[in-house]
Amino acid sequence: MLYRFNTGGPMGGGVVTDAAGGRQYVAVSSGSPSDFWVIGHSGSPTIVVFALPRR
């Protein structure tokens, strides 16, 4: 494990990475729009973006 962060809900989707301006960014989705799929673990749907340090 390189990094741990509480997103406030379950990880509900994939991970996207991109680079801009010499930095790499990693975006993940958290939360669930419905209790149908994740019973008891809902949360507001949120996109969390992390920026990696510049090289």
PDB file of N, CA and C in Angstrom:
ATOM      1  N   MET A   1       0.842  -1.159   0.000  1.00  0.00           N
ATOM      2  CA  MET A   1       0.000   0.000   0.000  1.00  0.00           C
ATOM      3  C   MET A   1       0.900   1.240   0.000  1.00  0.00           C
ATOM      4  N   LEU A   2       0.627   2.150  -0.923  1.00  0.00           N
ATOM      5  CA  LEU A   2       1.410   3.375  -1.016  1.00  0.00           C
ATOM      6  C   LEU A   2       0.732   4.557  -0.328  1.00  0.00           C
ATOM      7  N   TYR A   3      -0.611   4.536  -0.326  1.00  0.00           N
ATOM      8  CA  TYR A   3      -1.345   5.672   0.226  1.00  0.00           C
ATOM      9  C   TYR A   3      -2.734   5.216   0.625  1.00  0.00           C
ATOM     10  N   ARG A   4      -3.237   5.746   1.729  1.00  0.00           N
ATOM     11  CA  ARG A   4      -4.585   5.415   2.175  1.00  0.00           C
ATOM     12  C   ARG A   4      -5.320   6.721   2.461  1.00  0.00           C
ATOM     13  N   PHE A   5      -6.597   6.791   1.986  1.00  0.00           N
ATOM     14  CA  PHE A   5      -7.401   7.999   2.151  1.00  0.00           C
ATOM     15  C   PHE A   5      -8.856   7.598   2.346  1.00  0.00           C
ATOM     16  N   ASN A   6      -9.520   8.166   3.341  1.00  0.00           N
ATOM     17  CA  ASN A   6     -10.928   7.880   3.580  1.00  0.00           C
ATOM     18  C   ASN A   6     -11.766   8.756   2.655  1.00  0.00           C
ATOM     19  N   THR A   7     -12.412   8.141   1.677  1.00  0.00           N
ATOM     20  CA  THR A   7     -13.226   8.893   0.715  1.00  0.00           C
ATOM     21  C   THR A   7     -14.646   9.132   1.212  1.00  0.00           C
ATOM     22  N   GLY A   8     -15.007   8.560   2.354  1.00  0.00           N
ATOM     23  CA  GLY A   8     -16.332   8.762   2.903  1.00  0.00           C
ATOM     24  C   GLY A   8     -17.375   7.798   2.401  1.00  0.00           C
ATOM     25  N   GLY A   9     -16.992   6.863   1.586  1.00  0.00           N
ATOM     26  CA  GLY A   9     -17.925   5.878   1.052  1.00  0.00           C
ATOM     27  C   GLY A   9     -17.166   4.785   0.341  1.00  0.00           C
ATOM     28  N   PRO A  10     -17.886   3.760  -0.121  1.00  0.00           N
ATOM     29  CA  PRO A  10     -17.221   2.674  -0.842  1.00  0.00           C
ATOM     30  C   PRO A  10     -16.743   3.131  -2.215  1.00  0.00           C
ATOM     31  N   MET A  11     -15.703   2.491  -2.695  1.00  0.00           N
ATOM     32  CA  MET A  11     -15.212   2.777  -4.039  1.00  0.00           C
ATOM     33  C   MET A  11     -16.202   2.158  -5.012  1.00  0.00           C
ATOM     34  N   GLY A  12     -16.881   3.021  -5.792  1.00  0.00           N
ATOM     35  CA  GLY A  12     -17.982   2.550  -6.611  1.00  0.00           C
ATOM     36  C   GLY A  12     -17.688   2.482  -8.088  1.00  0.00           C
ATOM     37  N   GLY A  13     -16.455   2.659  -8.490  1.00  0.00           N
ATOM     38  CA  GLY A  13     -16.181   2.643  -9.924  1.00  0.00           C
ATOM     39  C   GLY A  13     -14.709   2.449 -10.198  1.00  0.00           C
ATOM     40  N   GLY A  14     -14.327   2.758 -11.407  1.00  0.00           N
ATOM     41  CA  GLY A  14     -12.956   2.558 -11.820  1.00  0.00           C
ATOM     42  C   GLY A  14     -12.030   3.692 -11.424  1.00  0.00           C
ATOM     43  N   VAL A  15     -10.799   3.562 -11.841  1.00  0.00           N
ATOM     44  CA  VAL A  15      -9.753   4.552 -11.583  1.00  0.00           C
ATOM     45  C   VAL A  15      -9.324   5.128 -12.921  1.00  0.00           C
ATOM     46  N   VAL A  16      -9.159   6.447 -12.973  1.00  0.00           N
ATOM     47  CA  VAL A  16      -8.716   7.118 -14.193  1.00  0.00           C
ATOM     48  C   VAL A  16      -7.448   7.893 -13.869  1.00  0.00           C
ATOM     49  N   THR A  17      -6.473   7.849 -14.761  1.00  0.00           N
ATOM     50  CA  THR A  17      -5.251   8.611 -14.570  1.00  0.00           C
ATOM     51  C   THR A  17      -4.974   9.430 -15.821  1.00  0.00           C
ATOM     52  N   ASP A  18      -4.411  10.623 -15.621  1.00  0.00           N
ATOM     53  CA  ASP A  18      -4.096  11.514 -16.736  1.00  0.00           C
ATOM     54  C   ASP A  18      -2.946  12.418 -16.310  1.00  0.00           C
ATOM     55  N   ALA A  19      -2.294  13.027 -17.259  1.00  0.00           N
ATOM     56  CA  ALA A  19      -1.199  13.951 -16.972  1.00  0.00           C
ATOM     57  C   ALA A  19      -1.482  15.287 -17.632  1.00  0.00           C
ATOM     58  N   ALA A  20      -1.167  16.364 -16.913  1.00  0.00           N
ATOM     59  CA  ALA A  20      -1.338  17.720 -17.438  1.00  0.00           C
ATOM     60  C   ALA A  20      -0.362  18.639 -16.724  1.00  0.00           C
ATOM     61  N   GLY A  21       0.294  19.472 -17.477  1.00  0.00           N
ATOM     62  CA  GLY A  21       1.208  20.442 -16.887  1.00  0.00           C
ATOM     63  C   GLY A  21       2.351  19.819 -16.108  1.00  0.00           C
ATOM     64  N   GLY A  22       2.792  18.644 -16.527  1.00  0.00           N
ATOM     65  CA  GLY A  22       3.917  17.993 -15.865  1.00  0.00           C
ATOM     66  C   GLY A  22       3.543  17.237 -14.598  1.00  0.00           C
ATOM     67  N   ARG A  23       2.252  17.103 -14.300  1.00  0.00           N
ATOM     68  CA  ARG A  23       1.814  16.354 -13.122  1.00  0.00           C
ATOM     69  C   ARG A  23       0.884  15.238 -13.542  1.00  0.00           C
ATOM     70  N   GLN A  24       0.911  14.162 -12.797  1.00  0.00           N
ATOM     71  CA  GLN A  24      -0.015  13.067 -13.044  1.00  0.00           C
ATOM     72  C   GLN A  24      -1.141  13.152 -12.013  1.00  0.00           C
ATOM     73  N   TYR A  25      -2.374  12.904 -12.478  1.00  0.00           N
ATOM     74  CA  TYR A  25      -3.554  12.945 -11.636  1.00  0.00           C
ATOM     75  C   TYR A  25      -4.241  11.591 -11.663  1.00  0.00           C
ATOM     76  N   VAL A  26      -4.766  11.186 -10.517  1.00  0.00           N
ATOM     77  CA  VAL A  26      -5.504   9.931 -10.398  1.00  0.00           C
ATOM     78  C   VAL A  26      -6.880  10.274  -9.841  1.00  0.00           C
ATOM     79  N   ALA A  27      -7.946   9.877 -10.540  1.00  0.00           N
ATOM     80  CA  ALA A  27      -9.315  10.161 -10.110  1.00  0.00           C
ATOM     81  C   ALA A  27     -10.039   8.842  -9.833  1.00  0.00           C
ATOM     82  N   VAL A  28     -10.801   8.826  -8.737  1.00  0.00           N
ATOM     83  CA  VAL A  28     -11.577   7.644  -8.373  1.00  0.00           C
ATOM     84  C   VAL A  28     -12.990   8.084  -7.997  1.00  0.00           C
ATOM     85  N   SER A  29     -13.947   7.183  -8.145  1.00  0.00           N
ATOM     86  CA  SER A  29     -15.316   7.497  -7.727  1.00  0.00           C
ATOM     87  C   SER A  29     -15.602   6.798  -6.400  1.00  0.00           C
ATOM     88  N   SER A  30     -16.344   7.488  -5.557  1.00  0.00           N
ATOM     89  CA  SER A  30     -16.670   6.975  -4.231  1.00  0.00           C
ATOM     90  C   SER A  30     -18.150   7.194  -3.972  1.00  0.00           C
ATOM     91  N   GLY A  31     -18.727   6.343  -3.131  1.00  0.00           N
ATOM     92  CA  GLY A  31     -20.141   6.485  -2.791  1.00  0.00           C
ATOM     93  C   GLY A  31     -21.000   5.649  -3.711  1.00  0.00           C
ATOM     94  N   SER A  32     -22.288   5.669  -3.441  1.00  0.00           N
ATOM     95  CA  SER A  32     -23.231   4.885  -4.225  1.00  0.00           C
ATOM     96  C   SER A  32     -24.484   5.717  -4.456  1.00  0.00           C
ATOM     97  N   PRO A  33     -24.931   5.850  -5.686  1.00  0.00           N
ATOM     98  CA  PRO A  33     -26.139   6.622  -5.943  1.00  0.00           C
ATOM     99  C   PRO A  33     -27.411   5.925  -5.470  1.00  0.00           C
ATOM    100  N   SER A  34     -27.304   4.654  -5.103  1.00  0.00           N
ATOM    101  CA  SER A  34     -28.476   3.880  -4.719  1.00  0.00           C
ATOM    102  C   SER A  34     -28.086   2.822  -3.695  1.00  0.00           C
ATOM    103  N   ASP A  35     -28.980   2.514  -2.773  1.00  0.00           N
ATOM    104  CA  ASP A  35     -28.737   1.423  -1.829  1.00  0.00           C
ATOM    105  C   ASP A  35     -28.968   0.053  -2.465  1.00  0.00           C
ATOM    106  N   PHE A  36     -29.448   0.038  -3.709  1.00  0.00           N
ATOM    107  CA  PHE A  36     -29.750  -1.233  -4.362  1.00  0.00           C
ATOM    108  C   PHE A  36     -28.509  -2.115  -4.491  1.00  0.00           C
ATOM    109  N   TRP A  37     -27.390  -1.540  -4.933  1.00  0.00           N
ATOM    110  CA  TRP A  37     -26.172  -2.328  -5.187  1.00  0.00           C
ATOM    111  C   TRP A  37     -25.312  -2.487  -3.947  1.00  0.00           C
ATOM    112  N   VAL A  38     -25.267  -1.480  -3.107  1.00  0.00           N
ATOM    113  CA  VAL A  38     -24.383  -1.511  -1.941  1.00  0.00           C
ATOM    114  C   VAL A  38     -25.245  -1.313  -0.697  1.00  0.00           C
ATOM    115  N   ILE A  39     -25.870  -2.351  -0.238  1.00  0.00           N
ATOM    116  CA  ILE A  39     -26.810  -2.261   0.881  1.00  0.00           C
ATOM    117  C   ILE A  39     -26.056  -1.901   2.154  1.00  0.00           C
ATOM    118  N   GLY A  40     -26.508  -0.826   2.797  1.00  0.00           N
ATOM    119  CA  GLY A  40     -25.916  -0.401   4.055  1.00  0.00           C
ATOM    120  C   GLY A  40     -24.635   0.400   3.919  1.00  0.00           C
ATOM    121  N   HIS A  41     -24.157   0.605   2.720  1.00  0.00           N
ATOM    122  CA  HIS A  41     -22.913   1.348   2.518  1.00  0.00           C
ATOM    123  C   HIS A  41     -23.105   2.445   1.478  1.00  0.00           C
ATOM    124  N   SER A  42     -24.143   3.232   1.638  1.00  0.00           N
ATOM    125  CA  SER A  42     -24.373   4.287   0.663  1.00  0.00           C
ATOM    126  C   SER A  42     -23.510   5.492   1.008  1.00  0.00           C
ATOM    127  N   GLY A  43     -23.564   6.467   0.212  1.00  0.00           N
ATOM    128  CA  GLY A  43     -22.824   7.713   0.403  1.00  0.00           C
ATOM    129  C   GLY A  43     -23.039   8.562  -0.821  1.00  0.00           C
ATOM    130  N   SER A  44     -22.871   9.834  -0.679  1.00  0.00           N
ATOM    131  CA  SER A  44     -23.041  10.722  -1.825  1.00  0.00           C
ATOM    132  C   SER A  44     -22.035  10.367  -2.909  1.00  0.00           C
ATOM    133  N   PRO A  45     -22.477  10.247  -4.158  1.00  0.00           N
ATOM    134  CA  PRO A  45     -21.540   9.985  -5.241  1.00  0.00           C
ATOM    135  C   PRO A  45     -20.534  11.132  -5.337  1.00  0.00           C
ATOM    136  N   THR A  46     -19.272  10.809  -5.318  1.00  0.00           N
ATOM    137  CA  THR A  46     -18.206  11.806  -5.290  1.00  0.00           C
ATOM    138  C   THR A  46     -17.061  11.357  -6.177  1.00  0.00           C
ATOM    139  N   ILE A  47     -16.430  12.308  -6.855  1.00  0.00           N
ATOM    140  CA  ILE A  47     -15.192  12.043  -7.588  1.00  0.00           C
ATOM    141  C   ILE A  47     -14.061  12.654  -6.767  1.00  0.00           C
ATOM    142  N   VAL A  48     -13.064  11.855  -6.461  1.00  0.00           N
ATOM    143  CA  VAL A  48     -11.908  12.310  -5.684  1.00  0.00           C
ATOM    144  C   VAL A  48     -10.704  12.289  -6.614  1.00  0.00           C
ATOM    145  N   VAL A  49      -9.983  13.410  -6.682  1.00  0.00           N
ATOM    146  CA  VAL A  49      -8.819  13.514  -7.570  1.00  0.00           C
ATOM    147  C   VAL A  49      -7.571  13.750  -6.729  1.00  0.00           C
ATOM    148  N   PHE A  50      -6.555  12.960  -6.989  1.00  0.00           N
ATOM    149  CA  PHE A  50      -5.266  13.085  -6.309  1.00  0.00           C
ATOM    150  C   PHE A  50      -4.227  13.534  -7.325  1.00  0.00           C
ATOM    151  N   ALA A  51      -3.333  14.423  -6.913  1.00  0.00           N
ATOM    152  CA  ALA A  51      -2.226  14.869  -7.763  1.00  0.00           C
ATOM    153  C   ALA A  51      -0.939  14.278  -7.228  1.00  0.00           C
ATOM    154  N   LEU A  52      -0.198  13.609  -8.089  1.00  0.00           N
ATOM    155  CA  LEU A  52       1.082  13.059  -7.689  1.00  0.00           C
ATOM    156  C   LEU A  52       2.141  14.167  -7.695  1.00  0.00           C
ATOM    157  N   PRO A  53       3.192  14.016  -6.886  1.00  0.00           N
ATOM    158  CA  PRO A  53       4.235  15.050  -6.839  1.00  0.00           C
ATOM    159  C   PRO A  53       4.907  15.211  -8.202  1.00  0.00           C
ATOM    160  N   ARG A  54       5.356  16.414  -8.464  1.00  0.00           N
ATOM    161  CA  ARG A  54       6.101  16.672  -9.705  1.00  0.00           C
ATOM    162  C   ARG A  54       7.442  15.964  -9.641  1.00  0.00           C
ATOM    163  N   ARG A  55       7.911  15.577 -10.801  1.00  0.00           N
ATOM    164  CA  ARG A  55       9.234  14.924 -10.862  1.00  0.00           C
ATOM    165  C   ARG A  55      10.290  15.951 -11.122  1.00  0.00           C
TER     166      ARG A  55
END
